[in-house]
Amino acid sequence: MNLKGLGKIERELEDLQRAPHGKSPRVFERLAKKLGRRKVNRGTEPNYASPAEPDLGPPLSIPHHDTLRTGTALSILDTLQSDVDIWRQHLDQQEGRVDAPEGESRQR
């Protein structure tokens, strides 16, 4: 993942937030996979969990219906947007753009 790819994903999320109704679950599954989440077998609906680094939080459930209701789609989009924010912080730290906490040296 790099900042350019993250920007593309962020634009896709913004487009989906403008018109979230009637979207296929595949659209959200594809974005979850682009952000590094992988399908895991747990629960009754398909779940997508994050890799070890960066930790994107709890697994994301994406119901597998023909189309998703607006509220469900917006909830999934909120989680995916927080994943983008976590990725951005992670990439910034890797590139040394964010100041390290006191007492720690910056790595480049």
Protein backbone atom coordinates (compact mmCIF):
# COMPACT_ATOMS: atom_id res chain seq x y z
CA MET A 1 0.00 0.00 0.00
CA ASN A 2 1.27 3.48 -0.81
CA LEU A 3 -0.14 7.00 -0.55
CA LYS A 4 -1.14 7.09 -4.23
CA GLY A 5 -3.20 3.89 -3.91
CA LEU A 6 -4.68 5.15 -0.67
CA GLY A 7 -5.80 8.34 -2.42
CA LYS A 8 -7.62 6.33 -5.08
CA ILE A 9 -9.41 4.28 -2.44
CA GLU A 10 -10.36 7.45 -0.57
CA ARG A 11 -11.90 8.95 -3.73
CA GLU A 12 -13.91 5.76 -4.27
CA LEU A 13 -15.17 5.95 -0.70
CA GLU A 14 -16.20 9.60 -1.16
CA ASP A 15 -18.13 8.68 -4.32
CA LEU A 16 -19.91 5.86 -2.50
CA GLN A 17 -20.80 8.11 0.44
CA ARG A 18 -22.60 10.48 -1.94
CA ALA A 19 -24.90 7.68 -3.15
CA PRO A 20 -24.66 4.64 -0.85
CA HIS A 21 -28.10 3.14 -1.54
CA GLY A 22 -28.60 0.05 -3.64
CA LYS A 23 -24.92 -0.92 -3.87
CA SER A 24 -23.78 -4.51 -4.21
CA PRO A 25 -21.81 -6.04 -1.33
CA ARG A 26 -19.07 -6.86 -3.84
CA VAL A 27 -18.21 -3.15 -4.10
CA PHE A 28 -17.52 -3.01 -0.36
CA GLU A 29 -15.75 -6.38 -0.30
CA ARG A 30 -13.40 -5.19 -3.06
CA LEU A 31 -12.53 -2.03 -1.09
CA ALA A 32 -12.01 -4.03 2.11
CA LYS A 33 -9.59 -6.30 0.26
CA LYS A 34 -7.75 -3.31 -1.24
CA LEU A 35 -7.25 -2.01 2.30
CA GLY A 36 -5.64 -5.29 3.33
CA ARG A 37 -8.58 -7.01 4.98
CA ARG A 38 -9.00 -10.72 4.25
CA LYS A 39 -12.11 -12.86 4.42
CA VAL A 40 -12.31 -14.96 7.58
CA ASN A 41 -14.77 -17.68 8.51
CA ARG A 42 -16.65 -16.48 11.56
CA GLY A 43 -20.27 -15.59 12.19
CA THR A 44 -23.18 -15.90 9.80
CA GLU A 45 -22.20 -13.11 7.40
CA PRO A 46 -18.86 -12.77 5.58
CA ASN A 47 -16.28 -11.04 7.78
CA TYR A 48 -13.11 -9.28 6.75
CA ALA A 49 -10.26 -9.02 9.26
CA SER A 50 -7.12 -6.94 9.13
CA PRO A 51 -3.55 -8.20 8.92
CA ALA A 52 -1.17 -7.86 11.84
CA GLU A 53 0.19 -4.52 10.65
CA PRO A 54 -1.40 -2.08 10.62
CA ASP A 55 -4.14 -3.24 12.98
CA LEU A 56 -7.36 -1.95 11.42
CA GLY A 57 -9.54 -2.91 14.36
CA PRO A 58 -12.22 -5.55 14.73
CA PRO A 59 -13.42 -7.67 11.80
CA LEU A 60 -15.80 -5.95 9.39
CA SER A 61 -19.04 -7.77 8.59
CA ILE A 62 -20.37 -7.21 5.07
CA PRO A 63 -23.79 -8.86 4.64
CA HIS A 64 -24.08 -10.81 1.43
CA HIS A 65 -27.47 -9.68 0.05
CA ASP A 66 -28.39 -8.55 -3.45
CA THR A 67 -28.07 -4.91 -2.40
CA LEU A 68 -27.28 -3.26 0.92
CA ARG A 69 -29.57 -0.87 2.75
CA THR A 70 -28.38 2.71 3.02
CA GLY A 71 -27.69 2.56 6.78
CA THR A 72 -25.70 -0.65 6.44
CA ALA A 73 -23.70 0.76 3.52
CA LEU A 74 -22.92 3.97 5.45
CA SER A 75 -21.77 1.97 8.48
CA ILE A 76 -19.43 -0.11 6.32
CA LEU A 77 -18.14 3.06 4.63
CA ASP A 78 -17.39 4.62 8.03
CA THR A 79 -15.31 1.59 8.98
CA LEU A 80 -13.49 1.59 5.65
CA GLN A 81 -12.78 5.33 6.01
CA SER A 82 -11.27 4.72 9.45
CA ASP A 83 -9.13 2.00 7.82
CA VAL A 84 -7.88 4.61 5.33
CA ASP A 85 -7.01 6.95 8.22
CA ILE A 86 -5.11 4.18 10.02
CA TRP A 87 -3.23 3.30 6.81
CA ARG A 88 -2.34 6.97 6.27
CA GLN A 89 -0.91 7.22 9.81
CA HIS A 90 0.98 3.96 9.33
CA LEU A 91 2.51 5.09 6.03
CA ASP A 92 3.40 8.51 7.45
CA GLN A 93 5.19 6.85 10.38
CA GLN A 94 7.08 4.53 8.04
CA GLU A 95 8.25 7.46 5.95
CA GLY A 96 9.22 9.47 9.03
CA ARG A 97 6.75 12.28 8.40
CA VAL A 98 5.16 12.09 11.83
CA ASP A 99 7.27 13.10 14.81
CA ALA A 100 8.14 10.21 17.05
CA PRO A 101 6.97 10.33 20.69
CA GLU A 102 9.39 11.91 23.16
CA GLY A 103 12.35 9.73 24.00
CA GLU A 104 12.20 7.79 20.74
CA SER A 105 14.35 8.51 17.73
CA ARG A 106 12.91 8.96 14.25
CA GLN A 107 13.70 6.17 11.86
CA ARG A 108 14.19 6.79 8.17
